[in-house]
């Protein structure tokens, strides 16, 4: 699964990074390892990246 993590500093600087991890816990552990060197940053949001591609739902046979 791909997880998107948003971090922010006390000064308001924000950054996003994607992690390919097998679980939410594994993604959190990876983020925390990387943030050890940046104590002024903290995790603001962590979510699963959704695929907004052009795949059509098999149950949705409705035409536009």
N, C-alpha and C. Protein backbone atom coordinates (compact mmCIF):
# COMPACT_ATOMS: atom_id res chain seq x y z
N UNK A 1 0.84 -1.17 0.00
CA UNK A 1 0.00 0.00 0.00
C UNK A 1 0.89 1.24 0.00
N UNK A 2 0.40 2.29 -0.61
CA UNK A 2 1.11 3.55 -0.61
C UNK A 2 0.45 4.47 0.41
N UNK A 3 1.25 5.00 1.33
CA UNK A 3 0.77 5.93 2.35
C UNK A 3 1.36 7.30 2.07
N UNK A 4 0.57 8.34 2.23
CA UNK A 4 1.04 9.71 2.08
C UNK A 4 1.10 10.31 3.47
N UNK A 5 2.27 10.88 3.80
CA UNK A 5 2.49 11.46 5.11
C UNK A 5 2.73 12.96 4.94
N UNK A 6 2.06 13.75 5.76
CA UNK A 6 2.28 15.19 5.79
C UNK A 6 2.95 15.53 7.11
N UNK A 7 4.05 16.29 7.03
CA UNK A 7 4.73 16.74 8.24
C UNK A 7 4.76 18.27 8.24
N UNK A 8 4.92 18.84 9.41
CA UNK A 8 4.99 20.30 9.54
C UNK A 8 5.97 20.66 10.65
N UNK A 9 6.60 21.82 10.48
CA UNK A 9 7.49 22.34 11.52
C UNK A 9 6.74 23.38 12.33
N UNK A 10 7.34 23.79 13.41
CA UNK A 10 6.74 24.85 14.24
C UNK A 10 6.65 26.16 13.47
N UNK A 11 7.54 26.34 12.50
CA UNK A 11 7.55 27.56 11.69
C UNK A 11 6.50 27.54 10.59
N UNK A 12 5.80 26.40 10.44
CA UNK A 12 4.74 26.31 9.44
C UNK A 12 5.16 25.70 8.12
N UNK A 13 6.39 25.23 8.03
CA UNK A 13 6.86 24.57 6.81
C UNK A 13 6.21 23.19 6.74
N UNK A 14 5.63 22.87 5.58
CA UNK A 14 4.96 21.57 5.41
C UNK A 14 5.61 20.80 4.28
N UNK A 15 5.57 19.48 4.40
CA UNK A 15 6.12 18.62 3.37
C UNK A 15 5.28 17.34 3.31
N UNK A 16 5.28 16.71 2.14
CA UNK A 16 4.57 15.46 1.91
C UNK A 16 5.56 14.42 1.40
N UNK A 17 5.34 13.19 1.78
CA UNK A 17 6.18 12.10 1.27
C UNK A 17 5.34 10.84 1.19
N UNK A 18 5.62 10.03 0.18
CA UNK A 18 4.93 8.76 0.01
C UNK A 18 5.81 7.62 0.52
N UNK A 19 5.18 6.66 1.17
CA UNK A 19 5.86 5.47 1.66
C UNK A 19 5.13 4.25 1.13
N UNK A 20 5.89 3.31 0.60
CA UNK A 20 5.33 2.04 0.17
C UNK A 20 5.57 1.06 1.31
N UNK A 21 4.52 0.75 2.05
CA UNK A 21 4.66 -0.10 3.24
C UNK A 21 3.53 -1.13 3.26
N UNK A 22 3.78 -2.28 3.87
CA UNK A 22 2.75 -3.33 3.90
C UNK A 22 1.60 -3.04 4.86
N UNK A 23 1.82 -2.11 5.82
CA UNK A 23 0.77 -1.81 6.80
C UNK A 23 0.93 -0.39 7.30
N UNK A 24 -0.10 0.09 7.97
CA UNK A 24 -0.05 1.42 8.57
C UNK A 24 1.06 1.48 9.61
N UNK A 25 1.17 0.46 10.43
CA UNK A 25 2.21 0.43 11.47
C UNK A 25 3.60 0.51 10.86
N UNK A 26 3.85 -0.20 9.77
CA UNK A 26 5.15 -0.16 9.11
C UNK A 26 5.44 1.24 8.56
N UNK A 27 4.42 1.90 8.02
CA UNK A 27 4.59 3.26 7.52
C UNK A 27 4.93 4.22 8.65
N UNK A 28 4.23 4.10 9.78
CA UNK A 28 4.49 4.96 10.93
C UNK A 28 5.92 4.75 11.43
N UNK A 29 6.37 3.52 11.51
CA UNK A 29 7.73 3.23 11.96
C UNK A 29 8.76 3.85 11.03
N UNK A 30 8.52 3.78 9.72
CA UNK A 30 9.45 4.37 8.75
C UNK A 30 9.51 5.89 8.90
N UNK A 31 8.35 6.50 9.08
CA UNK A 31 8.30 7.96 9.26
C UNK A 31 9.05 8.36 10.52
N UNK A 32 8.80 7.67 11.60
CA UNK A 32 9.43 8.02 12.87
C UNK A 32 10.95 7.86 12.81
N UNK A 33 11.41 6.84 12.10
CA UNK A 33 12.86 6.65 11.91
C UNK A 33 13.45 7.85 11.18
N UNK A 34 12.78 8.30 10.11
CA UNK A 34 13.30 9.42 9.33
C UNK A 34 13.23 10.74 10.08
N UNK A 35 12.24 10.91 10.94
CA UNK A 35 12.08 12.18 11.65
C UNK A 35 13.00 12.32 12.87
N UNK A 36 13.72 11.26 13.24
CA UNK A 36 14.63 11.35 14.39
C UNK A 36 15.61 12.50 14.23
N UNK A 37 16.07 12.73 13.02
CA UNK A 37 17.04 13.79 12.76
C UNK A 37 16.42 15.17 12.61
N UNK A 38 15.10 15.26 12.70
CA UNK A 38 14.40 16.53 12.52
C UNK A 38 13.40 16.72 13.66
N UNK A 39 13.88 17.05 14.85
CA UNK A 39 12.99 17.13 16.01
C UNK A 39 11.97 18.27 15.94
N UNK A 40 12.18 19.24 15.06
CA UNK A 40 11.23 20.35 14.95
C UNK A 40 10.04 20.01 14.06
N UNK A 41 10.03 18.83 13.45
CA UNK A 41 8.92 18.43 12.59
C UNK A 41 8.07 17.38 13.30
N UNK A 42 6.78 17.39 12.97
CA UNK A 42 5.88 16.38 13.52
C UNK A 42 4.90 15.95 12.42
N UNK A 43 4.34 14.78 12.59
CA UNK A 43 3.38 14.24 11.62
C UNK A 43 2.04 14.94 11.81
N UNK A 44 1.51 15.45 10.71
CA UNK A 44 0.21 16.13 10.72
C UNK A 44 -0.88 15.18 10.21
N UNK A 45 -0.56 14.42 9.17
CA UNK A 45 -1.56 13.55 8.55
C UNK A 45 -0.88 12.35 7.95
N UNK A 46 -1.54 11.22 7.98
CA UNK A 46 -1.06 10.00 7.34
C UNK A 46 -2.28 9.30 6.77
N UNK A 47 -2.28 9.08 5.45
CA UNK A 47 -3.45 8.47 4.81
C UNK A 47 -3.02 7.55 3.69
N UNK A 48 -3.93 6.70 3.28
CA UNK A 48 -3.68 5.80 2.15
C UNK A 48 -3.87 6.59 0.87
N UNK A 49 -2.92 6.46 -0.04
CA UNK A 49 -3.03 7.13 -1.32
C UNK A 49 -4.07 6.40 -2.15
N UNK A 50 -5.03 7.12 -2.62
CA UNK A 50 -6.10 6.52 -3.42
C UNK A 50 -5.76 6.64 -4.90
N UNK A 51 -6.08 5.61 -5.62
CA UNK A 51 -5.83 5.59 -7.05
C UNK A 51 -7.05 6.18 -7.75
N UNK A 52 -6.89 7.35 -8.31
CA UNK A 52 -7.99 8.02 -9.00
C UNK A 52 -7.87 7.81 -10.50
N UNK A 53 -7.31 6.68 -10.90
CA UNK A 53 -7.13 6.38 -12.32
C UNK A 53 -8.44 6.19 -13.04
N UNK A 54 -8.36 5.66 -14.21
CA UNK A 54 -9.53 5.52 -15.07
C UNK A 54 -10.13 4.13 -15.01
N UNK A 55 -9.86 3.40 -13.94
CA UNK A 55 -10.47 2.08 -13.80
C UNK A 55 -11.94 2.25 -13.49
N UNK A 56 -12.75 1.50 -14.20
CA UNK A 56 -14.19 1.59 -13.98
C UNK A 56 -14.62 0.47 -13.06
N UNK A 57 -15.49 0.78 -12.15
CA UNK A 57 -16.03 -0.20 -11.22
C UNK A 57 -16.83 -1.22 -12.01
N UNK A 58 -16.59 -2.49 -11.77
CA UNK A 58 -17.27 -3.56 -12.51
C UNK A 58 -18.78 -3.52 -12.31
N UNK A 59 -19.24 -3.05 -11.16
CA UNK A 59 -20.67 -2.98 -10.88
C UNK A 59 -21.34 -1.76 -11.49
N UNK A 60 -20.55 -0.79 -11.90
CA UNK A 60 -21.12 0.45 -12.45
C UNK A 60 -21.22 0.33 -13.96
N UNK A 61 -22.34 -0.12 -14.42
CA UNK A 61 -22.57 -0.29 -15.86
C UNK A 61 -23.29 0.91 -16.46
N UNK A 62 -23.51 1.91 -15.68
CA UNK A 62 -24.25 3.08 -16.13
C UNK A 62 -23.43 3.90 -17.12
N UNK A 63 -24.06 4.34 -18.21
CA UNK A 63 -23.38 5.18 -19.19
C UNK A 63 -23.66 6.65 -18.87
N UNK A 64 -22.72 7.48 -19.23
CA UNK A 64 -22.89 8.92 -18.98
C UNK A 64 -23.57 9.56 -20.16
